C-alpha atoms as a PDB file:
ATOM      1  CA  MET A   1     104.786 135.176 104.741  1.00  0.00           C
ATOM      2  CA  LEU A   2     102.162 134.951 102.050  1.00  0.00           C
ATOM      3  CA  ASN A   3     104.794 136.329  99.440  1.00  0.00           C
ATOM      4  CA  LEU A   4     107.246 133.546 100.530  1.00  0.00           C
ATOM      5  CA  ILE A   5     104.612 130.904 100.134  1.00  0.00           C
ATOM      6  CA  LYS A   6     103.611 132.185  96.776  1.00  0.00           C
ATOM      7  CA  ASN A   7     107.165 132.345  95.677  1.00  0.00           C
ATOM      8  CA  GLU A   8     107.686 128.581  96.751  1.00  0.00           C
ATOM      9  CA  HIS A   9     104.654 127.665  94.908  1.00  0.00           C
ATOM     10  CA  MET A  10     105.911 129.346  91.692  1.00  0.00           C
ATOM     11  CA  LYS A  11     109.132 127.328  91.998  1.00  0.00           C
ATOM     12  CA  ILE A  12     107.138 124.070  92.377  1.00  0.00           C
ATOM     13  CA  PHE A  13     104.566 124.651  89.540  1.00  0.00           C
ATOM     14  CA  ARG A  14     106.817 126.178  86.985  1.00  0.00           C
ATOM     15  CA  ARG A  15     108.661 122.855  86.796  1.00  0.00           C
ATOM     16  CA  LEU A  16     107.511 120.234  84.186  1.00  0.00           C
ATOM     17  CA  ARG A  17     108.043 117.460  86.873  1.00  0.00           C
ATOM     18  CA  THR A  18     105.212 118.894  88.963  1.00  0.00           C
ATOM     19  CA  TRP A  19     102.676 118.605  86.176  1.00  0.00           C
ATOM     20  CA  ILE A  20     103.838 115.138  85.215  1.00  0.00           C
ATOM     21  CA  LEU A  21     103.446 113.884  88.709  1.00  0.00           C
ATOM     22  CA  ALA A  22      99.866 115.381  88.692  1.00  0.00           C
ATOM     23  CA  LEU A  23      98.939 113.835  85.647  1.00  0.00           C
ATOM     24  CA  LEU A  24     100.447 110.410  86.412  1.00  0.00           C
ATOM     25  CA  LEU A  25      98.213 110.590  89.710  1.00  0.00           C
ATOM     26  CA  VAL A  26      95.186 111.158  87.653  1.00  0.00           C
ATOM     27  CA  VAL A  27      96.067 108.278  85.274  1.00  0.00           C
ATOM     28  CA  ILE A  28      96.742 105.966  88.288  1.00  0.00           C
ATOM     29  CA  VAL A  29      93.336 106.693  89.788  1.00  0.00           C
ATOM     30  CA  ILE A  30      91.508 106.099  86.553  1.00  0.00           C
ATOM     31  CA  LEU A  31      93.358 102.714  85.919  1.00  0.00           C
ATOM     32  CA  THR A  32      92.885 101.526  89.470  1.00  0.00           C
ATOM     33  CA  GLY A  33      89.108 102.276  89.204  1.00  0.00           C
ATOM     34  CA  ILE A  34      88.888 100.610  85.967  1.00  0.00           C
ATOM     35  CA  PHE A  35      90.895  97.379  87.175  1.00  0.00           C
ATOM     36  CA  SER A  36      88.888  97.158  90.496  1.00  0.00           C
ATOM     37  CA  HIS A  37      85.551  97.550  88.532  1.00  0.00           C
ATOM     38  CA  SER A  38      86.532  94.616  86.084  1.00  0.00           C
ATOM     39  CA  GLY A  39      85.251  92.118  88.309  1.00  0.00           C
ATOM     40  CA  HIS A  40      82.083  93.962  89.367  1.00  0.00           C
ATOM     41  CA  HIS A  41      78.567  92.355  88.691  1.00  0.00           C
ATOM     42  CA  ASP A  42      75.338  94.529  88.635  1.00  0.00           C
ATOM     43  CA  ASP A  43      73.192  91.721  89.318  1.00  0.00           C
ATOM     44  CA  ASP A  44      72.139  90.060  92.861  1.00  0.00           C
ATOM     45  CA  SER A  45      74.737  87.441  92.895  1.00  0.00           C
ATOM     46  CA  TRP A  46      75.870  88.995  96.064  1.00  0.00           C
ATOM     47  CA  LYS A  47      72.783  87.718  97.826  1.00  0.00           C
ATOM     48  CA  THR A  48      73.651  84.253  97.215  1.00  0.00           C
ATOM     49  CA  SER A  49      77.197  84.855  98.463  1.00  0.00           C
ATOM     50  CA  ALA A  50      75.850  86.464 101.549  1.00  0.00           C
ATOM     51  CA  ALA A  51      73.552  83.385 102.219  1.00  0.00           C
ATOM     52  CA  GLU A  52      76.443  80.919 101.836  1.00  0.00           C
ATOM     53  CA  THR A  53      78.562  83.260 104.060  1.00  0.00           C
ATOM     54  CA  ILE A  54      76.037  82.896 106.874  1.00  0.00           C
ATOM     55  CA  GLU A  55      75.548  79.150 106.519  1.00  0.00           C
ATOM     56  CA  HIS A  56      79.367  78.619 106.350  1.00  0.00           C
ATOM     57  CA  ASN A  57      79.678  80.669 109.731  1.00  0.00           C
ATOM     58  CA  LYS A  58      77.180  78.802 111.412  1.00  0.00           C
ATOM     59  CA  THR A  59      79.093  75.631 110.681  1.00  0.00           C
ATOM     60  CA  GLU A  60      82.385  77.139 111.951  1.00  0.00           C
ATOM     61  CA  ILE A  61      80.925  78.615 114.946  1.00  0.00           C
ATOM     62  CA  ALA A  62      79.671  75.077 116.170  1.00  0.00           C
ATOM     63  CA  ASN A  63      83.316  73.825 116.001  1.00  0.00           C
ATOM     64  CA  SER A  64      84.513  73.623 119.446  1.00  0.00           C
ATOM     65  CA  ASP A  65      88.220  73.902 118.438  1.00  0.00           C
ATOM     66  CA  LEU A  66      87.763  77.424 117.068  1.00  0.00           C
ATOM     67  CA  PRO A  67      88.988  80.181 119.295  1.00  0.00           C
ATOM     68  CA  ASP A  68      86.413  82.412 120.801  1.00  0.00           C
ATOM     69  CA  ASN A  69      87.554  85.644 119.043  1.00  0.00           C
ATOM     70  CA  PHE A  70      87.159  83.913 115.621  1.00  0.00           C
ATOM     71  CA  LYS A  71      83.678  83.024 116.657  1.00  0.00           C
ATOM     72  CA  GLN A  72      82.840  86.459 117.596  1.00  0.00           C
ATOM     73  CA  LYS A  73      84.026  87.851 114.370  1.00  0.00           C
ATOM     74  CA  MET A  74      82.043  85.237 112.461  1.00  0.00           C
ATOM     75  CA  ARG A  75      78.870  86.060 114.556  1.00  0.00           C
ATOM     76  CA  GLU A  76      79.313  89.866 113.608  1.00  0.00           C
ATOM     77  CA  ASP A  77      79.927  89.092 109.958  1.00  0.00           C
ATOM     78  CA  SER A  78      76.751  86.886 109.960  1.00  0.00           C
ATOM     79  CA  ALA A  79      74.560  89.633 111.592  1.00  0.00           C
ATOM     80  CA  THR A  80      75.995  92.196 109.068  1.00  0.00           C
ATOM     81  CA  GLN A  81      75.231  89.873 105.983  1.00  0.00           C
ATOM     82  CA  GLN A  82      71.668  89.164 107.333  1.00  0.00           C
ATOM     83  CA  TYR A  83      71.087  92.758 107.734  1.00  0.00           C
ATOM     84  CA  MET A  84      72.389  93.619 104.307  1.00  0.00           C
ATOM     85  CA  LEU A  85      69.841  90.809 103.015  1.00  0.00           C
ATOM     86  CA  ASP A  86      66.918  91.991 105.099  1.00  0.00           C
ATOM     87  CA  HIS A  87      67.381  95.703 103.848  1.00  0.00           C
ATOM     88  CA  ASN A  88      68.630  95.049 100.404  1.00  0.00           C
ATOM     89  CA  TYR A  89      71.809  96.730 101.065  1.00  0.00           C
ATOM     90  CA  PRO A  90      74.645  95.637  98.471  1.00  0.00           C
ATOM     91  CA  PRO A  91      78.047  95.260  99.570  1.00  0.00           C
ATOM     92  CA  MET A  92      80.106  98.523  99.731  1.00  0.00           C
ATOM     93  CA  ASP A  93      82.673  97.063  97.241  1.00  0.00           C
ATOM     94  CA  ASN A  94      79.976  97.007  94.553  1.00  0.00           C
ATOM     95  CA  THR A  95      79.053 100.651  94.927  1.00  0.00           C
ATOM     96  CA  LEU A  96      80.885 104.010  94.451  1.00  0.00           C
ATOM     97  CA  TRP A  97      82.043 103.893  98.051  1.00  0.00           C
ATOM     98  CA  GLY A  98      83.853 100.853  97.470  1.00  0.00           C
ATOM     99  CA  GLY A  99      85.841 102.527  94.641  1.00  0.00           C
ATOM    100  CA  MET A 100      86.539 105.649  96.959  1.00  0.00           C
ATOM    101  CA  MET A 101      87.835 103.326  99.667  1.00  0.00           C
ATOM    102  CA  THR A 102      90.093 101.687  97.047  1.00  0.00           C
ATOM    103  CA  ALA A 103      91.199 105.118  95.996  1.00  0.00           C
ATOM    104  CA  ALA A 104      92.141 105.989  99.692  1.00  0.00           C
ATOM    105  CA  GLY A 105      94.891 103.465  99.304  1.00  0.00           C
ATOM    106  CA  LEU A 106      96.422 105.640  96.548  1.00  0.00           C
ATOM    107  CA  ILE A 107      97.223 108.360  99.154  1.00  0.00           C
ATOM    108  CA  LEU A 108     100.445 106.278  99.237  1.00  0.00           C
ATOM    109  CA  VAL A 109     101.173 107.461  95.844  1.00  0.00           C
ATOM    110  CA  VAL A 110     100.422 111.140  96.891  1.00  0.00           C
ATOM    111  CA  THR A 111     102.900 110.627  99.751  1.00  0.00           C
ATOM    112  CA  LEU A 112     105.531 109.340  97.272  1.00  0.00           C
ATOM    113  CA  PHE A 113     105.039 112.410  95.017  1.00  0.00           C
ATOM    114  CA  THR A 114     105.115 114.926  97.928  1.00  0.00           C
ATOM    115  CA  VAL A 115     108.201 113.103  99.394  1.00  0.00           C
ATOM    116  CA  ILE A 116     109.890 113.967  96.078  1.00  0.00           C
ATOM    117  CA  ILE A 117     109.004 117.601  96.434  1.00  0.00           C
ATOM    118  CA  ALA A 118     109.699 117.838 100.095  1.00  0.00           C
ATOM    119  CA  GLY A 119     113.091 116.242  99.630  1.00  0.00           C
ATOM    120  CA  ASP A 120     114.040 119.072  97.214  1.00  0.00           C
ATOM    121  CA  MET A 121     112.609 121.936  99.054  1.00  0.00           C
ATOM    122  CA  VAL A 122     115.704 122.909 101.161  1.00  0.00           C
ATOM    123  CA  ALA A 123     118.574 120.653  99.788  1.00  0.00           C
ATOM    124  CA  GLY A 124     117.469 121.862  96.167  1.00  0.00           C
ATOM    125  CA  GLU A 125     118.460 125.438  96.929  1.00  0.00           C
ATOM    126  CA  PHE A 126     121.972 124.204  97.929  1.00  0.00           C
ATOM    127  CA  THR A 127     122.109 121.996  94.787  1.00  0.00           C
ATOM    128  CA  TRP A 128     121.398 124.882  92.554  1.00  0.00           C
ATOM    129  CA  GLY A 129     123.211 127.469  94.499  1.00  0.00           C
ATOM    130  CA  THR A 130     120.211 129.880  95.104  1.00  0.00           C
ATOM    131  CA  ILE A 131     120.314 129.440  98.963  1.00  0.00           C
ATOM    132  CA  LYS A 132     122.477 132.694  99.291  1.00  0.00           C
ATOM    133  CA  LEU A 133     119.900 134.708  97.094  1.00  0.00           C
ATOM    134  CA  LEU A 134     116.993 133.341  99.232  1.00  0.00           C
ATOM    135  CA  LEU A 135     118.789 134.389 102.669  1.00  0.00           C
ATOM    136  CA  ILE A 136     119.719 137.853 101.728  1.00  0.00           C
ATOM    137  CA  ARG A 137     116.001 138.712 101.734  1.00  0.00           C
ATOM    138  CA  PRO A 138     114.699 140.689 104.748  1.00  0.00           C
ATOM    139  CA  ALA A 139     112.578 137.497 105.856  1.00  0.00           C
ATOM    140  CA  SER A 140     114.164 135.514 108.701  1.00  0.00           C
ATOM    141  CA  ARG A 141     115.380 131.961 108.421  1.00  0.00           C
ATOM    142  CA  ALA A 142     112.396 130.839 110.516  1.00  0.00           C
ATOM    143  CA  LYS A 143     109.815 132.416 108.100  1.00  0.00           C
ATOM    144  CA  ILE A 144     111.688 130.811 105.026  1.00  0.00           C
ATOM    145  CA  LEU A 145     111.762 127.493 106.425  1.00  0.00           C
ATOM    146  CA  LEU A 146     108.218 127.632 107.594  1.00  0.00           C
ATOM    147  CA  SER A 147     107.010 128.827 104.146  1.00  0.00           C
ATOM    148  CA  LYS A 148     108.721 125.933 102.574  1.00  0.00           C
ATOM    149  CA  TYR A 149     107.151 123.473 104.938  1.00  0.00           C
ATOM    150  CA  LEU A 150     103.686 125.044 104.526  1.00  0.00           C
ATOM    151  CA  THR A 151     104.139 125.130 100.605  1.00  0.00           C
ATOM    152  CA  THR A 152     104.847 121.416 100.876  1.00  0.00           C
ATOM    153  CA  LEU A 153     101.831 120.496 102.842  1.00  0.00           C
ATOM    154  CA  LEU A 154      99.695 122.701 100.476  1.00  0.00           C
ATOM    155  CA  PHE A 155     101.035 120.789  97.445  1.00  0.00           C
ATOM    156  CA  ALA A 156     100.258 117.473  99.260  1.00  0.00           C
ATOM    157  CA  ALA A 157      96.615 118.889 100.002  1.00  0.00           C
ATOM    158  CA  THR A 158      96.451 119.762  96.307  1.00  0.00           C
ATOM    159  CA  LEU A 159      97.255 116.279  95.137  1.00  0.00           C
ATOM    160  CA  VAL A 160      94.834 114.781  97.735  1.00  0.00           C
ATOM    161  CA  ILE A 161      92.072 116.864  96.409  1.00  0.00           C
ATOM    162  CA  ILE A 162      92.877 115.819  92.781  1.00  0.00           C
ATOM    163  CA  LEU A 163      92.901 112.181  93.960  1.00  0.00           C
ATOM    164  CA  PHE A 164      89.508 112.516  95.752  1.00  0.00           C
ATOM    165  CA  LEU A 165      87.711 114.328  92.975  1.00  0.00           C
ATOM    166  CA  THR A 166      89.122 112.084  90.209  1.00  0.00           C
ATOM    167  CA  ALA A 167      88.122 108.947  92.189  1.00  0.00           C
ATOM    168  CA  LEU A 168      84.732 110.252  92.620  1.00  0.00           C
ATOM    169  CA  ILE A 169      84.149 111.101  89.199  1.00  0.00           C
ATOM    170  CA  VAL A 170      85.577 107.936  87.810  1.00  0.00           C
ATOM    171  CA  ASN A 171      83.977 105.594  90.255  1.00  0.00           C
ATOM    172  CA  GLY A 172      80.574 107.441  89.657  1.00  0.00           C
ATOM    173  CA  PHE A 173      80.795 107.002  86.151  1.00  0.00           C
ATOM    174  CA  LEU A 174      81.723 103.037  86.528  1.00  0.00           C
ATOM    175  CA  TYR A 175      79.146 102.182  89.320  1.00  0.00           C
ATOM    176  CA  GLY A 176      76.870 104.961  89.231  1.00  0.00           C
ATOM    177  CA  PHE A 177      75.363 107.241  91.883  1.00  0.00           C
ATOM    178  CA  GLY A 178      72.334 104.905  92.826  1.00  0.00           C
ATOM    179  CA  HIS A 179      73.662 103.905  96.236  1.00  0.00           C
ATOM    180  CA  MET A 180      75.001 107.179  97.487  1.00  0.00           C
ATOM    181  CA  GLY A 181      72.820 106.797 100.624  1.00  0.00           C
ATOM    182  CA  LEU A 182      74.046 103.298 101.445  1.00  0.00           C
ATOM    183  CA  PRO A 183      74.951 103.253 105.241  1.00  0.00           C
ATOM    184  CA  HIS A 184      78.056 101.999 106.774  1.00  0.00           C
ATOM    185  CA  LEU A 185      77.121  98.952 109.030  1.00  0.00           C
ATOM    186  CA  THR A 186      78.829  98.370 112.372  1.00  0.00           C
ATOM    187  CA  VAL A 187      77.960  95.627 115.075  1.00  0.00           C
ATOM    188  CA  ASN A 188      77.801  96.791 118.757  1.00  0.00           C
ATOM    189  CA  ALA A 189      78.857  94.825 121.752  1.00  0.00           C
ATOM    190  CA  ALA A 190      75.243  93.467 122.046  1.00  0.00           C
ATOM    191  CA  GLY A 191      75.365  91.937 118.405  1.00  0.00           C
ATOM    192  CA  GLN A 192      73.134  94.528 117.045  1.00  0.00           C
ATOM    193  CA  VAL A 193      73.719  95.990 113.628  1.00  0.00           C
ATOM    194  CA  LYS A 194      73.882  99.620 113.529  1.00  0.00           C
ATOM    195  CA  GLU A 195      73.679 102.139 110.426  1.00  0.00           C
ATOM    196  CA  LYS A 196      76.171 105.104 110.248  1.00  0.00           C
ATOM    197  CA  SER A 197      77.069 107.591 107.817  1.00  0.00           C
ATOM    198  CA  MET A 198      79.128 106.120 104.969  1.00  0.00           C
ATOM    199  CA  LEU A 199      80.280 109.565 103.873  1.00  0.00           C
ATOM    200  CA  LEU A 200      81.637 110.314 107.427  1.00  0.00           C
ATOM    201  CA  TYR A 201      83.315 106.693 107.353  1.00  0.00           C
ATOM    202  CA  VAL A 202      85.011 107.647 104.010  1.00  0.00           C
ATOM    203  CA  PHE A 203      85.986 111.092 105.247  1.00  0.00           C
ATOM    204  CA  ALA A 204      87.545 109.485 108.426  1.00  0.00           C
ATOM    205  CA  THR A 205      89.487 107.007 106.425  1.00  0.00           C
ATOM    206  CA  TYR A 206      90.966 109.719 104.252  1.00  0.00           C
ATOM    207  CA  GLY A 207      91.532 112.029 107.186  1.00  0.00           C
ATOM    208  CA  LEU A 208      93.531 109.385 109.022  1.00  0.00           C
ATOM    209  CA  LYS A 209      95.411 108.502 105.822  1.00  0.00           C
ATOM    210  CA  LEU A 210      96.513 112.191 105.538  1.00  0.00           C
ATOM    211  CA  ILE A 211      98.006 112.002 109.161  1.00  0.00           C
ATOM    212  CA  GLU A 212     100.345 109.396 107.882  1.00  0.00           C
ATOM    213  CA  LEU A 213     101.179 111.517 104.790  1.00  0.00           C
ATOM    214  CA  VAL A 214     101.930 114.542 106.953  1.00  0.00           C
ATOM    215  CA  MET A 215     104.218 112.502 109.150  1.00  0.00           C
ATOM    216  CA  ILE A 216     106.134 111.041 106.278  1.00  0.00           C
ATOM    217  CA  VAL A 217     106.319 114.315 104.591  1.00  0.00           C
ATOM    218  CA  THR A 218     107.537 116.104 107.635  1.00  0.00           C
ATOM    219  CA  LEU A 219     110.311 113.392 108.017  1.00  0.00           C
ATOM    220  CA  ALA A 220     111.272 113.993 104.323  1.00  0.00           C
ATOM    221  CA  PHE A 221     111.409 117.820 104.809  1.00  0.00           C
ATOM    222  CA  MET A 222     113.710 117.181 107.781  1.00  0.00           C
ATOM    223  CA  ILE A 223     116.006 115.150 105.784  1.00  0.00           C
ATOM    224  CA  SER A 224     116.041 117.816 103.101  1.00  0.00           C
ATOM    225  CA  THR A 225     117.391 120.332 105.566  1.00  0.00           C
ATOM    226  CA  VAL A 226     120.315 117.861 106.606  1.00  0.00           C
ATOM    227  CA  PHE A 227     121.850 117.293 103.136  1.00  0.00           C
ATOM    228  CA  ARG A 228     123.102 119.738 100.527  1.00  0.00           C
ATOM    229  CA  SER A 229     122.296 117.135  97.760  1.00  0.00           C
ATOM    230  CA  ALA A 230     118.750 117.328  96.572  1.00  0.00           C
ATOM    231  CA  SER A 231     119.050 113.872  94.904  1.00  0.00           C
ATOM    232  CA  LEU A 232     120.477 112.268  98.065  1.00  0.00           C
ATOM    233  CA  ALA A 233     117.703 113.727 100.227  1.00  0.00           C
ATOM    234  CA  ILE A 234     114.901 112.519  97.906  1.00  0.00           C
ATOM    235  CA  GLY A 235     116.485 109.000  97.490  1.00  0.00           C
ATOM    236  CA  LEU A 236     116.879 108.651 101.211  1.00  0.00           C
ATOM    237  CA  SER A 237     113.475 109.873 101.928  1.00  0.00           C
ATOM    238  CA  ILE A 238     111.821 107.481  99.597  1.00  0.00           C
ATOM    239  CA  PHE A 239     113.934 104.651 101.007  1.00  0.00           C
ATOM    240  CA  ILE A 240     112.935 105.334 104.617  1.00  0.00           C
ATOM    241  CA  MET A 241     109.277 105.564 103.295  1.00  0.00           C
ATOM    242  CA  PHE A 242     109.233 102.073 102.044  1.00  0.00           C
ATOM    243  CA  ALA A 243     111.745 100.371 104.280  1.00  0.00           C
ATOM    244  CA  GLY A 244     109.739 101.832 107.420  1.00  0.00           C
ATOM    245  CA  GLN A 245     106.843  99.445 107.027  1.00  0.00           C
ATOM    246  CA  LEU A 246     109.140  96.420 106.638  1.00  0.00           C
ATOM    247  CA  ILE A 247     111.082  97.456 109.608  1.00  0.00           C
ATOM    248  CA  THR A 248     107.948  97.664 111.653  1.00  0.00           C
ATOM    249  CA  LEU A 249     107.369  93.963 111.037  1.00  0.00           C
ATOM    250  CA  LEU A 250     110.603  93.160 112.657  1.00  0.00           C
ATOM    251  CA  PHE A 251     110.440  95.701 115.665  1.00  0.00           C
ATOM    252  CA  MET A 252     106.775  94.646 116.552  1.00  0.00           C
ATOM    253  CA  ARG A 253     108.133  91.380 117.942  1.00  0.00           C
ATOM    254  CA  TYR A 254     109.469  93.415 120.867  1.00  0.00           C
ATOM    255  CA  SER A 255     107.522  95.440 123.359  1.00  0.00           C
ATOM    256  CA  TRP A 256     109.332  98.722 122.590  1.00  0.00           C
ATOM    257  CA  GLY A 257     108.377  98.228 118.799  1.00  0.00           C
ATOM    258  CA  LYS A 258     105.161 100.102 119.645  1.00  0.00           C
ATOM    259  CA  TYR A 259     106.960 103.389 120.076  1.00  0.00           C
ATOM    260  CA  TYR A 260     108.465 103.177 116.539  1.00  0.00           C
ATOM    261  CA  LEU A 261     107.195 105.779 114.183  1.00  0.00           C
ATOM    262  CA  PHE A 262     105.916 103.635 111.326  1.00  0.00           C
ATOM    263  CA  ALA A 263     104.061 101.414 113.757  1.00  0.00           C
ATOM    264  CA  ASN A 264     101.784 104.306 114.503  1.00  0.00           C
ATOM    265  CA  THR A 265     101.448 106.171 111.284  1.00  0.00           C
ATOM    266  CA  ASP A 266      98.502 104.045 109.891  1.00  0.00           C
ATOM    267  CA  LEU A 267      95.622 104.954 112.196  1.00  0.00           C
ATOM    268  CA  THR A 268      92.903 103.360 109.974  1.00  0.00           C
ATOM    269  CA  PRO A 269      92.828 100.026 111.726  1.00  0.00           C
ATOM    270  CA  TYR A 270      91.176 101.877 114.766  1.00  0.00           C
ATOM    271  CA  LEU A 271      88.247 102.810 112.769  1.00  0.00           C
ATOM    272  CA  GLU A 272      87.492  98.931 113.032  1.00  0.00           C
ATOM    273  CA  GLY A 273      88.692  98.597 116.597  1.00  0.00           C
ATOM    274  CA  GLN A 274      91.651  96.703 115.458  1.00  0.00           C
ATOM    275  CA  PRO A 275      95.112  98.232 116.736  1.00  0.00           C
ATOM    276  CA  VAL A 276      98.441  97.174 115.344  1.00  0.00           C
ATOM    277  CA  ALA A 277      99.321  95.371 118.542  1.00  0.00           C
ATOM    278  CA  ASP A 278      98.007  94.671 122.070  1.00  0.00           C
ATOM    279  CA  GLY A 279      98.283  97.781 124.501  1.00  0.00           C
ATOM    280  CA  MET A 280      98.150 100.238 121.596  1.00  0.00           C
ATOM    281  CA  THR A 281      95.290 102.621 121.582  1.00  0.00           C
ATOM    282  CA  LEU A 282      94.360 105.743 119.359  1.00  0.00           C
ATOM    283  CA  GLY A 283      95.440 108.144 122.105  1.00  0.00           C
ATOM    284  CA  PHE A 284      98.682 106.275 122.497  1.00  0.00           C
ATOM    285  CA  SER A 285      99.421 106.456 118.709  1.00  0.00           C
ATOM    286  CA  ILE A 286      98.441 110.109 118.422  1.00  0.00           C
ATOM    287  CA  ALA A 287     100.790 110.852 121.347  1.00  0.00           C
ATOM    288  CA  VAL A 288     103.765 109.127 119.740  1.00  0.00           C
ATOM    289  CA  LEU A 289     103.008 110.839 116.381  1.00  0.00           C
ATOM    290  CA  VAL A 290     102.991 114.210 118.178  1.00  0.00           C
ATOM    291  CA  PHE A 291     106.255 113.543 119.733  1.00  0.00           C
ATOM    292  CA  TYR A 292     107.917 112.649 116.484  1.00  0.00           C
ATOM    293  CA  PHE A 293     106.161 115.614 114.662  1.00  0.00           C
ATOM    294  CA  LEU A 294     107.742 118.019 117.184  1.00  0.00           C
ATOM    295  CA  LEU A 295     111.095 116.352 117.002  1.00  0.00           C
ATOM    296  CA  PHE A 296     111.347 116.562 113.247  1.00  0.00           C
ATOM    297  CA  ASN A 297     110.431 120.152 113.266  1.00  0.00           C
ATOM    298  CA  VAL A 298     112.637 121.101 115.862  1.00  0.00           C
ATOM    299  CA  LEU A 299     115.524 119.200 114.282  1.00  0.00           C
ATOM    300  CA  SER A 300     114.627 120.968 110.904  1.00  0.00           C
ATOM    301  CA  TRP A 301     114.866 124.405 112.411  1.00  0.00           C
ATOM    302  CA  GLU A 302     118.026 123.935 114.327  1.00  0.00           C
ATOM    303  CA  ILE A 303     119.661 122.399 111.566  1.00  0.00           C
ATOM    304  CA  PHE A 304     118.476 125.101 109.085  1.00  0.00           C
ATOM    305  CA  ARG A 305     119.218 127.950 111.753  1.00  0.00           C
ATOM    306  CA  ARG A 306     122.869 126.757 112.314  1.00  0.00           C
ATOM    307  CA  ARG A 307     123.613 125.740 108.578  1.00  0.00           C
ATOM    308  CA  ASP A 308     126.682 127.695 107.214  1.00  0.00           C
ATOM    309  CA  VAL A 309     125.860 128.621 103.613  1.00  0.00           C
ATOM    310  CA  ALA A 310     129.137 130.380 102.796  1.00  0.00           C
ATOM    311  CA  ALA A 311     130.568 126.997 101.320  1.00  0.00           C
END
């Protein structure tokens, strides 16, 4: 298995396309960090803004026409802003952590680049006519397919590490490392502000983003086993990746829309206690994702096992 994975890695990294994608990712992270920092101010102007927000919320809360859920959010926001003023905690957006959270959104770019690789993993063997040479090896089809899938995930992990380290260095240079100890503030049911680890919050955000990455890449890998054309597999995978979120907006109008794959891939809203739709919980979304994950892998195996390579 290790030799098969090593062989698949050689196929990926000996191609110029792979290095261009990695370099492009680094450039995108750097440019994103610079642009997001362009409006940053190192002074204490955030304190004035926080005080104004508190006063504005007080006025809005007194409005009897405002729904109770909006009033509750304003109370929590005011409590957080006041806590920041009392303890001299700047907004996360003005620190290294804000840049890291912005970079978390770039995992979408990692997903796109990995989809390009995943769409070519199996279909590319048929496109280049190397599938017969691969299958005459003593390794079973199951091991060959598993090695390709694991290699795809390892490539995705490599890009995520590059993304994280580049974002850390770039944003550390732009914002400085002076607020590394800044806590993540949350408000409990009693309206009390609690300090939690910002590092764990950032890791949790990246971790949940990785789940979305794995699901989309698994889907792209399955599509790669269906088609003999690498370009068709890549193109279709990218289309589904971007169209999936648009279709979600349409399906969520119906009660059965919560069972749709792309309605559950983004788990980050659960960190703030805000599910995509009523009735959806973190456990529900995980169960849906496990079902699709097993479905995609079973289909990949069955299609690859039955595929006739004589043609």
